[in-house]
Amino acid sequence: MEYTRVGPGLPPVHGARAGALILGSFPSPKSREQGFFYGHPQNRFWPLLAALTGAPAPAHGDIAAKKRLITENGLALWDVIRCCSIRGASDASIRDVEPNAIPELIAALGVQAVFCNGAAAARLYARYIQPAAGLAAVRLPSTSPANAACAPDALRRAWGAALAPWLPGGENFEKL
């Protein structure tokens, strides 16, 4: 498969303030097709975030509900990469990176914690963003269907423990 230059990615999702920022690497072909984050129907991001916040899981195509899930819980959501060359949906193939303006977003929203959805996002954040942002990121297990080795309960425990201080009712995550 040949490399394709893709971008720009998706705009960030956030309210006026956000205590925590969740970052992916770059929108998958399914997400770009849908025009929103984690658009693959088997990605576990939206059901997981709904479980952690106590909200109903948004329907696959309900972008407004997904945006509310982020903004009503004081979160922000974006990707590390604005544009890149990539083979299909393979994060491992990403090259020629143009990062998003994440340090500016962090400053504008008052973000205090950064969480990366998977190893690729964490690696890209550390390389392209962290030096300018000054905030280390917490790497969380990927919600991608390609990370099938991580069971839903393990995802819920890891994400719940990390996001607990930043979500309403987070003190109850140990009961999940």
N, C-alpha and C. Protein backbone atom coordinates (compact mmCIF):
# COMPACT_ATOMS: atom_id res chain seq x y z
N MET A 1 0.84 -1.18 0.00
CA MET A 1 0.00 0.00 0.00
C MET A 1 0.89 1.24 0.00
N GLU A 2 0.53 2.22 -0.79
CA GLU A 2 1.31 3.46 -0.90
C GLU A 2 0.91 4.46 0.18
N TYR A 3 1.84 5.37 0.42
CA TYR A 3 1.56 6.46 1.35
C TYR A 3 0.63 7.47 0.71
N THR A 4 -0.26 8.03 1.52
CA THR A 4 -1.16 9.09 1.09
C THR A 4 -0.97 10.26 2.04
N ARG A 5 -0.91 11.46 1.49
CA ARG A 5 -0.86 12.66 2.33
C ARG A 5 -2.29 13.02 2.70
N VAL A 6 -2.58 13.09 4.00
CA VAL A 6 -3.93 13.38 4.46
C VAL A 6 -3.91 14.51 5.48
N GLY A 7 -5.00 15.23 5.51
CA GLY A 7 -5.16 16.32 6.46
C GLY A 7 -5.75 17.52 5.75
N PRO A 8 -6.15 18.51 6.46
CA PRO A 8 -6.08 18.54 7.92
C PRO A 8 -7.08 17.57 8.54
N GLY A 9 -6.78 17.20 9.78
CA GLY A 9 -7.66 16.29 10.52
C GLY A 9 -8.91 17.01 10.97
N LEU A 10 -9.39 16.65 12.12
CA LEU A 10 -10.64 17.19 12.66
C LEU A 10 -10.36 18.33 13.63
N PRO A 11 -11.31 19.26 13.77
CA PRO A 11 -11.13 20.33 14.76
C PRO A 11 -11.32 19.78 16.17
N PRO A 12 -10.75 20.45 17.16
CA PRO A 12 -10.91 19.97 18.53
C PRO A 12 -12.34 20.13 19.02
N VAL A 13 -12.67 19.33 20.03
CA VAL A 13 -13.98 19.41 20.68
C VAL A 13 -13.73 19.81 22.13
N HIS A 14 -14.40 20.89 22.58
CA HIS A 14 -14.21 21.35 23.95
C HIS A 14 -15.22 22.44 24.26
N GLY A 15 -15.41 22.68 25.54
CA GLY A 15 -16.18 23.81 26.00
C GLY A 15 -15.25 24.98 26.26
N ALA A 16 -15.71 25.95 27.05
CA ALA A 16 -14.90 27.13 27.35
C ALA A 16 -13.66 26.79 28.17
N ARG A 17 -13.75 25.78 29.02
CA ARG A 17 -12.63 25.33 29.85
C ARG A 17 -12.61 23.80 29.81
N ALA A 18 -11.44 23.24 30.05
CA ALA A 18 -11.32 21.78 30.12
C ALA A 18 -10.15 21.45 31.04
N GLY A 19 -10.40 20.59 32.02
CA GLY A 19 -9.33 20.18 32.92
C GLY A 19 -8.43 19.14 32.30
N ALA A 20 -8.98 18.32 31.42
CA ALA A 20 -8.22 17.22 30.83
C ALA A 20 -8.43 17.19 29.32
N LEU A 21 -7.37 16.85 28.62
CA LEU A 21 -7.37 16.73 27.17
C LEU A 21 -7.06 15.29 26.80
N ILE A 22 -7.92 14.70 25.97
CA ILE A 22 -7.70 13.35 25.46
C ILE A 22 -7.25 13.47 24.01
N LEU A 23 -6.13 12.83 23.70
CA LEU A 23 -5.56 12.92 22.35
C LEU A 23 -5.47 11.56 21.68
N GLY A 24 -5.90 11.50 20.45
CA GLY A 24 -5.62 10.37 19.58
C GLY A 24 -4.42 10.73 18.72
N SER A 25 -4.05 9.86 17.81
CA SER A 25 -2.93 10.15 16.93
C SER A 25 -3.39 10.97 15.72
N PHE A 26 -4.28 10.38 14.90
CA PHE A 26 -4.80 11.02 13.69
C PHE A 26 -6.09 10.28 13.34
N PRO A 27 -7.09 10.99 12.79
CA PRO A 27 -8.36 10.30 12.50
C PRO A 27 -8.20 9.16 11.50
N SER A 28 -8.81 8.04 11.81
CA SER A 28 -8.80 6.89 10.91
C SER A 28 -9.62 7.23 9.65
N PRO A 29 -9.48 6.41 8.61
CA PRO A 29 -10.32 6.65 7.42
C PRO A 29 -11.82 6.67 7.76
N LYS A 30 -12.26 5.78 8.67
CA LYS A 30 -13.69 5.77 9.06
C LYS A 30 -14.06 7.06 9.78
N SER A 31 -13.17 7.57 10.64
CA SER A 31 -13.45 8.82 11.35
C SER A 31 -13.49 9.99 10.37
N ARG A 32 -12.57 10.01 9.41
CA ARG A 32 -12.58 11.09 8.42
C ARG A 32 -13.84 11.02 7.57
N GLU A 33 -14.27 9.81 7.25
CA GLU A 33 -15.50 9.61 6.48
C GLU A 33 -16.72 10.13 7.25
N GLN A 34 -16.77 9.82 8.55
CA GLN A 34 -17.88 10.25 9.40
C GLN A 34 -17.76 11.73 9.77
N GLY A 35 -16.55 12.25 9.76
CA GLY A 35 -16.32 13.63 10.13
C GLY A 35 -16.26 13.85 11.63
N PHE A 36 -15.93 12.78 12.37
CA PHE A 36 -15.83 12.91 13.81
C PHE A 36 -14.92 11.83 14.38
N PHE A 37 -14.46 12.07 15.59
CA PHE A 37 -13.50 11.21 16.27
C PHE A 37 -14.06 9.82 16.55
N TYR A 38 -13.18 8.83 16.45
CA TYR A 38 -13.50 7.44 16.78
C TYR A 38 -14.75 6.97 16.05
N GLY A 39 -14.71 7.14 14.73
CA GLY A 39 -15.86 6.83 13.88
C GLY A 39 -16.00 5.38 13.48
N HIS A 40 -15.01 4.55 13.77
CA HIS A 40 -15.15 3.13 13.45
C HIS A 40 -16.18 2.55 14.41
N PRO A 41 -17.19 1.85 13.90
CA PRO A 41 -18.26 1.35 14.77
C PRO A 41 -17.78 0.39 15.86
N GLN A 42 -16.61 -0.23 15.68
CA GLN A 42 -16.10 -1.15 16.69
C GLN A 42 -15.13 -0.49 17.67
N ASN A 43 -14.83 0.79 17.47
CA ASN A 43 -13.96 1.47 18.43
C ASN A 43 -14.71 1.59 19.74
N ARG A 44 -14.01 1.35 20.83
CA ARG A 44 -14.66 1.30 22.15
C ARG A 44 -14.64 2.63 22.89
N PHE A 45 -14.14 3.69 22.25
CA PHE A 45 -14.00 4.97 22.93
C PHE A 45 -15.33 5.50 23.47
N TRP A 46 -16.35 5.61 22.63
CA TRP A 46 -17.60 6.25 23.07
C TRP A 46 -18.35 5.42 24.10
N PRO A 47 -18.48 4.11 23.94
CA PRO A 47 -19.11 3.32 25.01
C PRO A 47 -18.33 3.40 26.32
N LEU A 48 -16.99 3.42 26.23
CA LEU A 48 -16.16 3.51 27.42
C LEU A 48 -16.37 4.85 28.12
N LEU A 49 -16.31 5.94 27.38
CA LEU A 49 -16.48 7.26 27.99
C LEU A 49 -17.88 7.40 28.59
N ALA A 50 -18.86 6.85 27.93
CA ALA A 50 -20.22 6.88 28.47
C ALA A 50 -20.28 6.11 29.80
N ALA A 51 -19.67 4.94 29.83
CA ALA A 51 -19.67 4.15 31.07
C ALA A 51 -18.98 4.91 32.20
N LEU A 52 -17.89 5.59 31.89
CA LEU A 52 -17.14 6.31 32.92
C LEU A 52 -17.88 7.54 33.43
N THR A 53 -18.71 8.13 32.60
CA THR A 53 -19.43 9.35 32.98
C THR A 53 -20.85 9.07 33.46
N GLY A 54 -21.31 7.83 33.29
CA GLY A 54 -22.68 7.49 33.66
C GLY A 54 -23.70 7.96 32.65
N ALA A 55 -23.26 8.36 31.49
CA ALA A 55 -24.16 8.81 30.42
C ALA A 55 -24.55 7.63 29.54
N PRO A 56 -25.66 7.76 28.83
CA PRO A 56 -25.99 6.71 27.86
C PRO A 56 -24.97 6.72 26.72
N ALA A 57 -24.66 5.55 26.21
CA ALA A 57 -23.72 5.47 25.08
C ALA A 57 -24.37 6.11 23.86
N PRO A 58 -23.69 7.06 23.22
CA PRO A 58 -24.27 7.70 22.06
C PRO A 58 -24.36 6.74 20.88
N ALA A 59 -25.38 6.90 20.07
CA ALA A 59 -25.51 6.10 18.85
C ALA A 59 -24.33 6.40 17.94
N HIS A 60 -23.98 5.46 17.11
CA HIS A 60 -22.79 5.58 16.26
C HIS A 60 -22.75 6.91 15.50
N GLY A 61 -23.85 7.31 14.90
CA GLY A 61 -23.87 8.52 14.08
C GLY A 61 -24.28 9.78 14.81
N ASP A 62 -24.51 9.72 16.11
CA ASP A 62 -25.00 10.88 16.86
C ASP A 62 -23.83 11.75 17.33
N ILE A 63 -23.34 12.57 16.44
CA ILE A 63 -22.18 13.41 16.74
C ILE A 63 -22.51 14.44 17.81
N ALA A 64 -23.71 14.97 17.80
CA ALA A 64 -24.10 15.96 18.82
C ALA A 64 -24.01 15.36 20.22
N ALA A 65 -24.47 14.12 20.38
CA ALA A 65 -24.40 13.45 21.70
C ALA A 65 -22.94 13.20 22.09
N LYS A 66 -22.11 12.86 21.13
CA LYS A 66 -20.69 12.64 21.41
C LYS A 66 -20.03 13.94 21.86
N LYS A 67 -20.35 15.03 21.19
CA LYS A 67 -19.80 16.33 21.59
C LYS A 67 -20.24 16.70 23.00
N ARG A 68 -21.51 16.45 23.32
CA ARG A 68 -22.00 16.74 24.67
C ARG A 68 -21.27 15.90 25.72
N LEU A 69 -20.99 14.67 25.40
CA LEU A 69 -20.28 13.78 26.33
C LEU A 69 -18.92 14.37 26.69
N ILE A 70 -18.27 14.99 25.74
CA ILE A 70 -16.98 15.63 25.99
C ILE A 70 -17.18 16.93 26.77
N THR A 71 -17.96 17.83 26.23
CA THR A 71 -18.07 19.18 26.79
C THR A 71 -18.75 19.21 28.16
N GLU A 72 -19.77 18.40 28.36
CA GLU A 72 -20.50 18.40 29.64
C GLU A 72 -19.69 17.76 30.77
N ASN A 73 -18.62 17.11 30.43
CA ASN A 73 -17.77 16.49 31.46
C ASN A 73 -16.43 17.19 31.61
N GLY A 74 -16.33 18.41 31.09
CA GLY A 74 -15.13 19.21 31.28
C GLY A 74 -13.89 18.68 30.60
N LEU A 75 -14.09 17.96 29.50
CA LEU A 75 -12.98 17.38 28.76
C LEU A 75 -12.76 18.13 27.45
N ALA A 76 -11.64 17.86 26.83
CA ALA A 76 -11.36 18.30 25.47
C ALA A 76 -10.85 17.09 24.71
N LEU A 77 -11.09 17.07 23.41
CA LEU A 77 -10.72 15.93 22.57
C LEU A 77 -10.11 16.45 21.27
N TRP A 78 -8.96 15.86 20.90
CA TRP A 78 -8.31 16.25 19.65
C TRP A 78 -7.33 15.16 19.26
N ASP A 79 -6.57 15.40 18.21
CA ASP A 79 -5.52 14.49 17.76
C ASP A 79 -4.19 15.22 17.78
N VAL A 80 -3.11 14.48 17.96
CA VAL A 80 -1.78 15.06 17.96
C VAL A 80 -1.45 15.63 16.58
N ILE A 81 -1.86 14.93 15.54
CA ILE A 81 -1.44 15.27 14.18
C ILE A 81 -2.52 16.04 13.43
N ARG A 82 -2.08 17.10 12.75
CA ARG A 82 -2.95 17.87 11.86
C ARG A 82 -2.94 17.27 10.46
N CYS A 83 -1.74 16.99 9.93
CA CYS A 83 -1.54 16.41 8.61
C CYS A 83 -0.37 15.43 8.68
N CYS A 84 -0.43 14.41 7.82
CA CYS A 84 0.68 13.46 7.77
C CYS A 84 0.57 12.63 6.49
N SER A 85 1.60 11.85 6.25
CA SER A 85 1.55 10.81 5.23
C SER A 85 1.34 9.50 5.98
N ILE A 86 0.44 8.69 5.45
CA ILE A 86 0.06 7.46 6.16
C ILE A 86 -0.35 6.39 5.15
N ARG A 87 -0.17 5.14 5.53
CA ARG A 87 -0.66 4.01 4.74
C ARG A 87 -1.95 3.53 5.37
N GLY A 88 -3.06 3.71 4.72
CA GLY A 88 -4.36 3.26 5.24
C GLY A 88 -4.65 3.85 6.60
N ALA A 89 -4.85 2.99 7.60
CA ALA A 89 -5.13 3.43 8.96
C ALA A 89 -4.00 3.08 9.92
N SER A 90 -2.83 2.75 9.38
CA SER A 90 -1.72 2.26 10.20
C SER A 90 -0.97 3.39 10.88
N ASP A 91 -1.17 3.54 12.20
CA ASP A 91 -0.43 4.53 12.97
C ASP A 91 1.07 4.30 12.87
N ALA A 92 1.47 3.05 12.74
CA ALA A 92 2.90 2.72 12.66
C ALA A 92 3.55 3.29 11.40
N SER A 93 2.74 3.58 10.38
CA SER A 93 3.29 4.07 9.11
C SER A 93 3.36 5.60 9.04
N ILE A 94 2.86 6.29 10.03
CA ILE A 94 2.79 7.76 9.99
C ILE A 94 4.17 8.37 9.81
N ARG A 95 4.26 9.32 8.87
CA ARG A 95 5.49 10.08 8.66
C ARG A 95 5.12 11.47 8.15
N ASP A 96 6.10 12.33 8.00
CA ASP A 96 5.90 13.70 7.50
C ASP A 96 4.82 14.41 8.33
N VAL A 97 5.01 14.42 9.63
CA VAL A 97 4.02 14.92 10.57
C VAL A 97 3.98 16.45 10.64
N GLU A 98 2.78 16.97 10.60
CA GLU A 98 2.53 18.37 10.95
C GLU A 98 1.61 18.32 12.17
N PRO A 99 2.10 18.71 13.35
CA PRO A 99 1.28 18.58 14.56
C PRO A 99 0.21 19.67 14.65
N ASN A 100 -0.81 19.37 15.45
CA ASN A 100 -1.83 20.36 15.76
C ASN A 100 -1.28 21.36 16.78
N ALA A 101 -1.98 22.47 16.92
CA ALA A 101 -1.57 23.55 17.84
C ALA A 101 -2.03 23.23 19.26
N ILE A 102 -1.55 22.13 19.79
CA ILE A 102 -1.99 21.66 21.10
C ILE A 102 -1.48 22.53 22.25
N PRO A 103 -0.24 23.01 22.23
CA PRO A 103 0.18 23.88 23.34
C PRO A 103 -0.73 25.11 23.49
N GLU A 104 -1.16 25.66 22.39
CA GLU A 104 -2.06 26.82 22.42
C GLU A 104 -3.42 26.43 22.98
N LEU A 105 -3.92 25.26 22.60
CA LEU A 105 -5.20 24.79 23.12
C LEU A 105 -5.12 24.55 24.63
N ILE A 106 -4.04 23.93 25.08
CA ILE A 106 -3.83 23.67 26.50
C ILE A 106 -3.88 24.99 27.28
N ALA A 107 -3.17 25.99 26.78
CA ALA A 107 -3.13 27.29 27.46
C ALA A 107 -4.50 27.97 27.45
N ALA A 108 -5.18 27.93 26.32
CA ALA A 108 -6.47 28.61 26.19
C ALA A 108 -7.54 28.00 27.08
N LEU A 109 -7.52 26.67 27.25
CA LEU A 109 -8.57 25.98 28.01
C LEU A 109 -8.21 25.77 29.48
N GLY A 110 -6.97 25.99 29.85
CA GLY A 110 -6.54 25.72 31.22
C GLY A 110 -6.38 24.24 31.50
N VAL A 111 -6.03 23.46 30.49
CA VAL A 111 -5.86 22.02 30.64
C VAL A 111 -4.76 21.73 31.66
N GLN A 112 -5.03 20.80 32.55
CA GLN A 112 -4.07 20.42 33.58
C GLN A 112 -3.54 19.00 33.42
N ALA A 113 -4.20 18.20 32.58
CA ALA A 113 -3.77 16.81 32.38
C ALA A 113 -4.03 16.41 30.94
N VAL A 114 -3.09 15.64 30.39
CA VAL A 114 -3.19 15.16 29.01
C VAL A 114 -3.15 13.64 29.03
N PHE A 115 -4.07 13.03 28.30
CA PHE A 115 -4.18 11.58 28.20
C PHE A 115 -4.13 11.19 26.73
N CYS A 116 -3.31 10.19 26.42
CA CYS A 116 -3.17 9.73 25.04
C CYS A 116 -3.83 8.37 24.88
N ASN A 117 -4.65 8.26 23.86
CA ASN A 117 -5.37 7.03 23.55
C ASN A 117 -4.44 6.14 22.72
N GLY A 118 -3.61 5.38 23.42
CA GLY A 118 -2.74 4.42 22.77
C GLY A 118 -1.30 4.86 22.67
N ALA A 119 -0.45 3.90 22.30
CA ALA A 119 1.00 4.11 22.25
C ALA A 119 1.41 5.09 21.17
N ALA A 120 0.78 5.03 20.00
CA ALA A 120 1.18 5.93 18.91
C ALA A 120 0.91 7.38 19.29
N ALA A 121 -0.25 7.66 19.84
CA ALA A 121 -0.56 9.03 20.27
C ALA A 121 0.42 9.50 21.33
N ALA A 122 0.77 8.64 22.26
CA ALA A 122 1.72 9.00 23.33
C ALA A 122 3.10 9.29 22.75
N ARG A 123 3.54 8.44 21.85
CA ARG A 123 4.85 8.63 21.22
C ARG A 123 4.89 9.94 20.41
N LEU A 124 3.86 10.19 19.64
CA LEU A 124 3.79 11.41 18.82
C LEU A 124 3.69 12.66 19.69
N TYR A 125 2.91 12.57 20.76
CA TYR A 125 2.80 13.71 21.68
C TYR A 125 4.16 14.03 22.30
N ALA A 126 4.85 13.00 22.79
CA ALA A 126 6.16 13.20 23.43
C ALA A 126 7.15 13.83 22.46
N ARG A 127 7.09 13.44 21.22
CA ARG A 127 8.05 13.95 20.23
C ARG A 127 7.71 15.35 19.74
N TYR A 128 6.44 15.60 19.42
CA TYR A 128 6.08 16.84 18.73
C TYR A 128 5.45 17.91 19.61
N ILE A 129 4.86 17.53 20.74
CA ILE A 129 4.07 18.48 21.52
C ILE A 129 4.63 18.76 22.91
N GLN A 130 5.00 17.72 23.62
CA GLN A 130 5.38 17.88 25.03
C GLN A 130 6.45 18.93 25.26
N PRO A 131 7.50 19.02 24.45
CA PRO A 131 8.51 20.05 24.73
C PRO A 131 7.93 21.46 24.76
N ALA A 132 7.00 21.76 23.88
CA ALA A 132 6.40 23.10 23.86
C ALA A 132 5.28 23.25 24.87
N ALA A 133 4.54 22.16 25.12
CA ALA A 133 3.40 22.23 26.03
C ALA A 133 3.82 22.23 27.50
N GLY A 134 4.90 21.53 27.80
CA GLY A 134 5.37 21.46 29.17
C GLY A 134 4.57 20.52 30.07
N LEU A 135 3.66 19.77 29.50
CA LEU A 135 2.87 18.80 30.27
C LEU A 135 3.17 17.40 29.76
N ALA A 136 3.54 16.51 30.65
CA ALA A 136 3.70 15.11 30.27
C ALA A 136 2.31 14.51 30.07
N ALA A 137 2.23 13.52 29.21
CA ALA A 137 0.95 12.86 28.96
C ALA A 137 0.94 11.47 29.60
N VAL A 138 -0.25 11.04 29.96
CA VAL A 138 -0.46 9.69 30.47
C VAL A 138 -0.91 8.82 29.29
N ARG A 139 -0.19 7.75 29.06
CA ARG A 139 -0.54 6.83 27.98
C ARG A 139 -1.59 5.84 28.50
N LEU A 140 -2.71 5.78 27.82
CA LEU A 140 -3.77 4.84 28.17
C LEU A 140 -3.88 3.78 27.08
N PRO A 141 -4.41 2.60 27.42
CA PRO A 141 -4.56 1.57 26.40
C PRO A 141 -5.50 2.06 25.30
N SER A 142 -5.15 1.72 24.08
CA SER A 142 -5.94 2.14 22.93
C SER A 142 -7.33 1.52 22.96
N THR A 143 -8.31 2.34 22.57
CA THR A 143 -9.69 1.86 22.46
C THR A 143 -9.96 1.27 21.08
N SER A 144 -8.97 1.26 20.22
CA SER A 144 -9.12 0.77 18.85
C SER A 144 -9.51 -0.71 18.84
N PRO A 145 -10.31 -1.11 17.85
CA PRO A 145 -10.61 -2.53 17.72
C PRO A 145 -9.35 -3.36 17.42
N ALA A 146 -8.29 -2.71 16.94
CA ALA A 146 -7.03 -3.42 16.70
C ALA A 146 -6.36 -3.83 18.01
N ASN A 147 -6.75 -3.22 19.13
CA ASN A 147 -6.21 -3.56 20.44
C ASN A 147 -7.14 -4.54 21.16
N ALA A 148 -7.51 -5.59 20.47
CA ALA A 148 -8.45 -6.57 21.02
C ALA A 148 -7.88 -7.30 22.23
N ALA A 149 -6.56 -7.29 22.40
CA ALA A 149 -5.94 -7.96 23.55
C ALA A 149 -6.31 -7.30 24.86
N CYS A 150 -6.72 -6.04 24.81
CA CYS A 150 -7.11 -5.32 26.03
C CYS A 150 -8.63 -5.46 26.19
N ALA A 151 -9.03 -6.25 27.16
CA ALA A 151 -10.46 -6.52 27.39
C ALA A 151 -11.18 -5.25 27.85
N PRO A 152 -12.48 -5.17 27.61
CA PRO A 152 -13.25 -4.00 28.04
C PRO A 152 -13.10 -3.66 29.53
N ASP A 153 -13.05 -4.67 30.40
CA ASP A 153 -12.88 -4.40 31.83
C ASP A 153 -11.53 -3.76 32.12
N ALA A 154 -10.49 -4.22 31.43
CA ALA A 154 -9.16 -3.64 31.62
C ALA A 154 -9.12 -2.19 31.12
N LEU A 155 -9.77 -1.93 29.99
CA LEU A 155 -9.88 -0.55 29.49
C LEU A 155 -10.58 0.33 30.52
N ARG A 156 -11.70 -0.15 31.03
CA ARG A 156 -12.49 0.62 31.99
C ARG A 156 -11.70 0.93 33.26
N ARG A 157 -10.95 -0.06 33.75
CA ARG A 157 -10.13 0.17 34.95
C ARG A 157 -9.03 1.19 34.69
N ALA A 158 -8.31 1.03 33.59
CA ALA A 158 -7.19 1.94 33.29
C ALA A 158 -7.68 3.36 33.02
N TRP A 159 -8.66 3.50 32.16
CA TRP A 159 -9.19 4.82 31.83
C TRP A 159 -9.89 5.43 33.05
N GLY A 160 -10.63 4.63 33.78
CA GLY A 160 -11.33 5.14 34.96
C GLY A 160 -10.38 5.66 36.01
N ALA A 161 -9.32 4.92 36.28
CA ALA A 161 -8.34 5.37 37.28
C ALA A 161 -7.66 6.67 36.84
N ALA A 162 -7.35 6.77 35.56
CA ALA A 162 -6.66 7.96 35.06
C ALA A 162 -7.56 9.19 35.03
N LEU A 163 -8.79 9.02 34.57
CA LEU A 163 -9.69 10.16 34.39
C LEU A 163 -10.48 10.52 35.65
N ALA A 164 -10.46 9.67 36.65
CA ALA A 164 -11.26 9.89 37.86
C ALA A 164 -11.17 11.31 38.41
N PRO A 165 -9.98 11.88 38.57
CA PRO A 165 -9.92 13.24 39.14
C PRO A 165 -10.52 14.32 38.25
N TRP A 166 -10.75 13.99 36.99
CA TRP A 166 -11.20 15.00 36.03
C TRP A 166 -12.66 14.86 35.64
N LEU A 167 -13.35 13.87 36.18
CA LEU A 167 -14.75 13.65 35.83
C LEU A 167 -15.65 13.76 37.05
N PRO A 168 -16.83 14.32 36.87
CA PRO A 168 -17.79 14.33 37.98
C PRO A 168 -18.09 12.89 38.40
N GLY A 169 -18.08 12.64 39.69
CA GLY A 169 -18.36 11.30 40.19
C GLY A 169 -17.18 10.36 40.07
N GLY A 170 -16.02 10.87 39.69
CA GLY A 170 -14.84 10.04 39.49
C GLY A 170 -14.41 9.27 40.71
N GLU A 171 -14.79 9.76 41.89
CA GLU A 171 -14.41 9.06 43.11
C GLU A 171 -15.08 7.69 43.20
N ASN A 172 -16.08 7.42 42.37
CA ASN A 172 -16.78 6.14 42.41
C ASN A 172 -16.24 5.14 41.40
N PHE A 173 -15.15 5.45 40.68
CA PHE A 173 -14.66 4.57 39.64
C PHE A 173 -14.18 3.23 40.16
N GLU A 174 -13.73 3.18 41.39
CA GLU A 174 -13.25 1.88 41.88
C GLU A 174 -14.39 0.87 41.95
N LYS A 175 -15.64 1.34 41.88
CA LYS A 175 -16.79 0.43 41.92
C LYS A 175 -17.13 -0.14 40.55
N LEU A 176 -16.51 0.39 39.48
CA LEU A 176 -16.82 -0.08 38.13
C LEU A 176 -16.30 -1.48 37.87
